[in-house]
Protein backbone atom coordinates (compact mmCIF):
# COMPACT_ATOMS: atom_id res chain seq x y z
CA MET A 1 -3.01 -0.75 1.88
CA ASP A 2 -5.72 2.17 2.97
CA THR A 3 -3.77 4.91 1.40
CA ASN A 4 -6.43 7.68 2.19
CA ASN A 5 -5.66 7.12 5.86
CA THR A 6 -1.63 7.43 5.15
CA GLU A 7 -2.26 10.71 3.04
CA LYS A 8 -4.37 12.03 6.00
CA VAL A 9 -2.09 11.34 8.52
CA MET A 10 0.86 12.68 6.21
CA ASN A 11 -0.82 15.86 6.14
CA LEU A 12 -1.12 16.48 9.63
CA GLY A 13 2.55 17.29 10.03
CA ALA A 14 2.32 20.02 7.68
CA GLU A 15 -0.58 21.50 9.08
CA THR A 16 0.11 21.38 13.06
CA GLU A 17 3.60 22.87 11.86
CA GLN A 18 1.27 25.82 10.98
CA GLN A 19 -1.37 26.00 13.79
CA PRO A 20 -0.71 26.67 17.48
CA ALA A 21 -0.44 23.45 19.94
CA THR A 22 -4.00 23.57 21.79
CA GLU A 23 -5.61 21.09 24.90
CA GLN A 24 -7.66 19.81 21.80
CA GLN A 25 -6.99 16.61 20.12
CA PRO A 26 -5.32 17.37 16.86
CA GLU A 27 -7.27 17.38 13.17
CA LEU A 28 -6.09 15.38 10.23
CA GLN A 29 -9.05 17.31 8.03
CA LYS A 30 -12.05 19.14 9.73
CA GLY A 31 -13.93 16.57 12.16
CA HIS A 32 -10.90 14.17 11.95
CA ARG A 33 -8.69 13.68 14.88
CA LEU A 34 -5.90 11.37 15.31
CA VAL A 35 -7.46 8.82 17.31
CA ASP A 36 -9.82 7.86 14.93
CA VAL A 37 -7.47 6.59 12.02
CA VAL A 38 -7.80 3.69 11.17
CA VAL A 39 -4.48 1.66 11.53
CA THR A 40 -4.53 -0.30 8.49
CA ASP A 41 -0.99 -0.99 7.63
CA ASP A 42 2.78 -0.71 9.25
CA ASN A 43 2.94 2.65 7.05
CA THR A 44 -0.35 4.19 8.83
CA ALA A 45 1.36 2.77 11.86
CA LEU A 46 4.19 4.93 12.06
CA ASN A 47 2.90 7.70 10.80
CA LEU A 48 0.53 8.01 13.52
CA MET A 49 3.09 7.58 15.65
CA VAL A 50 5.30 10.03 14.49
CA ASN A 51 2.66 12.93 14.56
CA PHE A 52 1.49 11.93 18.60
CA LEU A 53 5.54 12.36 19.41
CA THR A 54 4.96 15.83 17.17
CA LEU A 55 2.17 16.69 19.77
CA ALA A 56 3.98 15.70 22.94
CA HIS A 57 6.83 17.58 21.34
CA LYS A 58 4.93 20.91 20.86
CA LYS A 59 3.37 20.42 24.68
CA GLY A 60 6.74 20.37 26.03
CA ALA A 61 7.11 16.65 26.80
CA PHE A 62 10.64 15.81 25.77
CA SER A 63 13.78 17.45 26.96
CA ILE A 64 15.87 19.07 23.97
CA ALA A 65 18.43 16.27 23.81
CA GLU A 66 15.46 13.41 23.82
CA SER A 67 13.63 15.36 20.66
CA ALA A 68 16.72 15.29 19.12
CA LYS A 69 17.33 11.70 19.52
CA ILE A 70 13.49 11.09 18.79
CA TRP A 71 13.93 13.47 15.41
CA GLU A 72 17.13 11.42 14.35
CA CYS A 73 14.54 8.15 14.75
CA ILE A 74 11.88 10.14 12.63
CA ARG A 75 14.64 11.02 9.66
CA GLN A 76 15.94 7.12 9.44
CA PHE A 77 12.17 6.04 8.38
CA GLN A 78 12.27 9.35 5.75
CA ARG A 79 15.00 7.41 3.63
């Protein structure tokens, strides 16, 4: 398991909360985009999906009810 990718993906959630949404691809760290993260295990894949959902939400892709259901699903995996 490549914990380096997982840590980068997990850190993105905290970073994107503080940054305004832009049209550019979000960065994990300087020069790293979500689409560049290598999916090496289930945890990395799940974290990437969560971060892409967060990005879509910030762009207004979901209704309030849909956002609530997505958050409920995300919380299930955080236990």
